[in-house]
Amino acid sequence: MPPLAALVLLRGNRSRELHPSTGRTFWKALMSNASGLITDDGALLQRGSFGRARSLTVLAQEELGKALWIYETFEQA
């Protein structure tokens, strides 16, 4: 379990501790990106571009998954 003020991020075989303020900034950026993707998805749906809209939905889900992971990790610390 990571210490209270840190989150261990794995990248390949490397790990890194993340300070809560940095984690919050990262979380906010992920949420903002997901929101933007969903907005763009709506515009593509209105234009009948269903495949591209679906692609943006999947990308938004990935961003939300990462944001949730960060949130839960810090909540449990």
C-alpha atoms as a PDB file:
ATOM      1  CA  MET A   1       0.000   0.000   0.000  1.00  0.00           C
ATOM      2  CA  PRO A   2       1.442   3.410  -0.890  1.00  0.00           C
ATOM      3  CA  PRO A   3       2.169   5.872   1.920  1.00  0.00           C
ATOM      4  CA  LEU A   4      -0.405   8.556   2.744  1.00  0.00           C
ATOM      5  CA  ALA A   5       1.228  11.304   0.662  1.00  0.00           C
ATOM      6  CA  ALA A   6       2.207   9.237  -2.347  1.00  0.00           C
ATOM      7  CA  LEU A   7       0.913   7.081  -5.137  1.00  0.00           C
ATOM      8  CA  VAL A   8       3.105   4.583  -6.899  1.00  0.00           C
ATOM      9  CA  LEU A   9       2.672   4.778 -10.659  1.00  0.00           C
ATOM     10  CA  LEU A  10       4.001   1.875 -12.671  1.00  0.00           C
ATOM     11  CA  ARG A  11       5.457   2.496 -16.086  1.00  0.00           C
ATOM     12  CA  GLY A  12       7.126  -0.538 -17.510  1.00  0.00           C
ATOM     13  CA  ASN A  13       9.281  -1.789 -14.650  1.00  0.00           C
ATOM     14  CA  ARG A  14       9.630   1.662 -13.087  1.00  0.00           C
ATOM     15  CA  SER A  15       7.661   3.130 -10.227  1.00  0.00           C
ATOM     16  CA  ARG A  16       7.231   6.699  -9.050  1.00  0.00           C
ATOM     17  CA  GLU A  17       5.723   8.337  -6.008  1.00  0.00           C
ATOM     18  CA  LEU A  18       3.136  11.010  -6.699  1.00  0.00           C
ATOM     19  CA  HIS A  19       2.397  13.793  -4.210  1.00  0.00           C
ATOM     20  CA  PRO A  20      -1.318  14.380  -3.525  1.00  0.00           C
ATOM     21  CA  SER A  21      -1.308  17.848  -5.109  1.00  0.00           C
ATOM     22  CA  THR A  22       0.242  16.417  -8.265  1.00  0.00           C
ATOM     23  CA  GLY A  23      -2.266  13.563  -8.188  1.00  0.00           C
ATOM     24  CA  ARG A  24      -5.114  16.054  -7.929  1.00  0.00           C
ATOM     25  CA  THR A  25      -3.762  18.031 -10.894  1.00  0.00           C
ATOM     26  CA  PHE A  26      -3.451  14.821 -12.905  1.00  0.00           C
ATOM     27  CA  TRP A  27      -6.997  13.757 -11.880  1.00  0.00           C
ATOM     28  CA  LYS A  28      -8.430  17.124 -12.930  1.00  0.00           C
ATOM     29  CA  ALA A  29      -6.672  16.950 -16.305  1.00  0.00           C
ATOM     30  CA  LEU A  30      -8.017  13.436 -16.917  1.00  0.00           C
ATOM     31  CA  MET A  31     -11.560  14.516 -16.012  1.00  0.00           C
ATOM     32  CA  SER A  32     -11.310  17.584 -18.239  1.00  0.00           C
ATOM     33  CA  ASN A  33     -10.029  15.505 -21.133  1.00  0.00           C
ATOM     34  CA  ALA A  34     -12.824  12.940 -20.693  1.00  0.00           C
ATOM     35  CA  SER A  35     -15.414  15.720 -20.618  1.00  0.00           C
ATOM     36  CA  GLY A  36     -14.025  17.245 -23.811  1.00  0.00           C
ATOM     37  CA  LEU A  37     -14.030  13.878 -25.555  1.00  0.00           C
ATOM     38  CA  ILE A  38     -17.667  13.322 -24.609  1.00  0.00           C
ATOM     39  CA  THR A  39     -18.592  16.795 -25.893  1.00  0.00           C
ATOM     40  CA  ASP A  40     -16.842  16.087 -29.193  1.00  0.00           C
ATOM     41  CA  ASP A  41     -18.512  12.692 -29.308  1.00  0.00           C
ATOM     42  CA  GLY A  42     -21.920  14.415 -29.207  1.00  0.00           C
ATOM     43  CA  ALA A  43     -20.994  16.680 -32.101  1.00  0.00           C
ATOM     44  CA  LEU A  44     -19.898  13.686 -34.177  1.00  0.00           C
ATOM     45  CA  LEU A  45     -23.125  11.828 -33.377  1.00  0.00           C
ATOM     46  CA  GLN A  46     -25.176  14.783 -34.599  1.00  0.00           C
ATOM     47  CA  ARG A  47     -23.283  14.659 -37.889  1.00  0.00           C
ATOM     48  CA  GLY A  48     -23.875  10.931 -38.287  1.00  0.00           C
ATOM     49  CA  SER A  49     -20.262   9.907 -37.719  1.00  0.00           C
ATOM     50  CA  PHE A  50     -21.088   6.974 -35.461  1.00  0.00           C
ATOM     51  CA  GLY A  51     -17.782   5.107 -35.692  1.00  0.00           C
ATOM     52  CA  ARG A  52     -15.692   8.127 -34.758  1.00  0.00           C
ATOM     53  CA  ALA A  53     -18.121   9.041 -31.993  1.00  0.00           C
ATOM     54  CA  ARG A  54     -17.757   5.536 -30.562  1.00  0.00           C
ATOM     55  CA  SER A  55     -13.970   5.848 -30.689  1.00  0.00           C
ATOM     56  CA  LEU A  56     -14.111   9.042 -28.643  1.00  0.00           C
ATOM     57  CA  THR A  57     -16.443   7.345 -26.165  1.00  0.00           C
ATOM     58  CA  VAL A  58     -13.894   4.572 -25.658  1.00  0.00           C
ATOM     59  CA  LEU A  59     -11.099   7.124 -25.156  1.00  0.00           C
ATOM     60  CA  ALA A  60     -13.265   8.976 -22.608  1.00  0.00           C
ATOM     61  CA  GLN A  61     -13.891   5.701 -20.747  1.00  0.00           C
ATOM     62  CA  GLU A  62     -10.141   5.089 -20.568  1.00  0.00           C
ATOM     63  CA  GLU A  63      -9.538   8.567 -19.168  1.00  0.00           C
ATOM     64  CA  LEU A  64     -12.295   8.093 -16.593  1.00  0.00           C
ATOM     65  CA  GLY A  65     -10.814   4.739 -15.607  1.00  0.00           C
ATOM     66  CA  LYS A  66      -7.419   6.319 -14.961  1.00  0.00           C
ATOM     67  CA  ALA A  67      -9.038   9.159 -12.996  1.00  0.00           C
ATOM     68  CA  LEU A  68     -10.981   6.675 -10.871  1.00  0.00           C
ATOM     69  CA  TRP A  69      -7.816   4.664 -10.208  1.00  0.00           C
ATOM     70  CA  ILE A  70      -5.997   7.775  -8.969  1.00  0.00           C
ATOM     71  CA  TYR A  71      -8.962   8.851  -6.832  1.00  0.00           C
ATOM     72  CA  GLU A  72      -9.377   5.429  -5.206  1.00  0.00           C
ATOM     73  CA  THR A  73      -5.650   5.020  -4.578  1.00  0.00           C
ATOM     74  CA  PHE A  74      -5.420   8.320  -2.722  1.00  0.00           C
ATOM     75  CA  GLU A  75      -8.679   7.703  -0.888  1.00  0.00           C
ATOM     76  CA  GLN A  76      -7.317   4.405   0.450  1.00  0.00           C
ATOM     77  CA  ALA A  77      -3.915   5.866   1.418  1.00  0.00           C
END
